[in-house]
Amino acid sequence: MDTRVTVLGHLQRGGAPSAADRILAIRFGVYAVELAAKKQFGRLVVLKGQELSDIPYSDLPVFQRRKILENDEVLKAAEGINICLGR
């Protein structure tokens, strides 16, 4: 039986990385190393258009609190499958 290593991210995205993918990865890595050299930790390198920049992790939506209304369909669905959300 033959086996091969598969990079899951490439498979999910749809194939082998292109030259542009490789260059972008290098740009991200260089930017991240520059941030670390400046002791700027807890930041995420982002691509806006063609320019790289960075934002603090705390600005990511996943870290923002969101209010859920009492009649929210997601709340009802969660409670419908016995997920307790504090009520």
Protein backbone atom coordinates (compact mmCIF):
# COMPACT_ATOMS: atom_id res chain seq x y z
CA MET A 1 0.00 0.00 0.00
CA ASP A 2 1.40 3.41 -0.95
CA THR A 3 1.02 6.41 1.35
CA ARG A 4 1.71 10.10 0.89
CA VAL A 5 1.86 13.13 3.13
CA THR A 6 -0.93 15.63 2.51
CA VAL A 7 -0.95 19.20 3.77
CA LEU A 8 -4.57 19.57 4.82
CA GLY A 9 -4.72 23.31 4.15
CA HIS A 10 -3.62 22.80 0.56
CA LEU A 11 -6.13 20.03 0.07
CA GLN A 12 -8.97 22.13 1.49
CA ARG A 13 -8.03 25.14 -0.60
CA GLY A 14 -7.78 23.06 -3.71
CA GLY A 15 -4.30 21.97 -4.66
CA ALA A 16 -0.60 22.64 -4.42
CA PRO A 17 0.53 26.14 -3.47
CA SER A 18 1.27 28.49 -6.33
CA ALA A 19 4.27 30.80 -6.52
CA ALA A 20 2.02 33.64 -5.30
CA ASP A 21 0.97 31.51 -2.29
CA ARG A 22 4.60 30.87 -1.40
CA ILE A 23 5.57 34.54 -1.75
CA LEU A 24 2.63 35.61 0.41
CA ALA A 25 3.62 33.06 3.08
CA ILE A 26 7.16 34.45 3.08
CA ARG A 27 5.84 38.00 3.41
CA PHE A 28 3.67 36.99 6.36
CA GLY A 29 6.61 35.24 8.02
CA VAL A 30 8.98 38.17 7.55
CA TYR A 31 6.39 40.58 8.96
CA ALA A 32 5.78 38.32 11.98
CA VAL A 33 9.52 38.07 12.69
CA GLU A 34 9.82 41.86 12.47
CA LEU A 35 7.01 42.21 15.02
CA ALA A 36 8.73 39.74 17.34
CA ALA A 37 12.04 41.59 16.98
CA LYS A 38 10.24 44.78 18.10
CA LYS A 39 8.74 42.77 21.01
CA GLN A 40 5.25 43.42 19.69
CA PHE A 41 3.48 40.25 20.73
CA GLY A 42 -0.23 39.37 20.75
CA ARG A 43 -0.74 40.70 17.24
CA LEU A 44 -2.07 39.11 14.07
CA VAL A 45 -0.54 39.79 10.66
CA VAL A 46 -3.28 40.65 8.17
CA LEU A 47 -3.48 41.37 4.47
CA LYS A 48 -5.50 44.44 3.47
CA GLY A 49 -5.55 44.72 -0.30
CA GLN A 50 -1.91 44.12 -1.17
CA GLU A 51 -0.46 45.63 2.02
CA LEU A 52 0.44 43.74 5.18
CA SER A 53 -0.36 45.22 8.56
CA ASP A 54 -1.08 43.93 12.04
CA ILE A 55 -3.91 44.15 14.54
CA PRO A 56 -4.12 43.16 18.20
CA TYR A 57 -5.77 39.84 18.91
CA SER A 58 -8.23 41.68 21.17
CA ASP A 59 -9.70 43.37 18.06
CA LEU A 60 -10.73 40.04 16.56
CA PRO A 61 -14.51 39.48 16.56
CA VAL A 62 -14.06 36.17 18.37
CA PHE A 63 -12.90 38.11 21.46
CA GLN A 64 -15.73 40.66 21.39
CA ARG A 65 -18.74 40.18 23.61
CA ARG A 66 -22.08 40.06 21.85
CA LYS A 67 -25.50 40.35 23.37
CA ILE A 68 -28.08 37.71 22.53
CA LEU A 69 -31.72 38.73 22.68
CA GLU A 70 -34.15 36.60 24.66
CA ASN A 71 -36.03 35.56 21.51
CA ASP A 72 -32.93 34.86 19.39
CA GLU A 73 -33.35 31.80 17.15
CA VAL A 74 -29.78 30.63 17.89
CA LEU A 75 -30.52 30.70 21.63
CA LYS A 76 -33.72 28.72 21.12
CA ALA A 77 -31.90 26.18 18.95
CA ALA A 78 -29.09 25.76 21.49
CA GLU A 79 -31.53 25.24 24.35
CA GLY A 80 -33.51 22.86 22.15
CA ILE A 81 -30.52 20.50 22.14
CA ASN A 82 -29.89 20.97 25.88
CA ILE A 83 -27.03 23.49 25.72
CA CYS A 84 -27.21 25.60 28.89
CA LEU A 85 -26.46 29.28 28.32
CA GLY A 86 -27.09 30.50 31.85
CA ARG A 87 -30.85 30.81 32.00
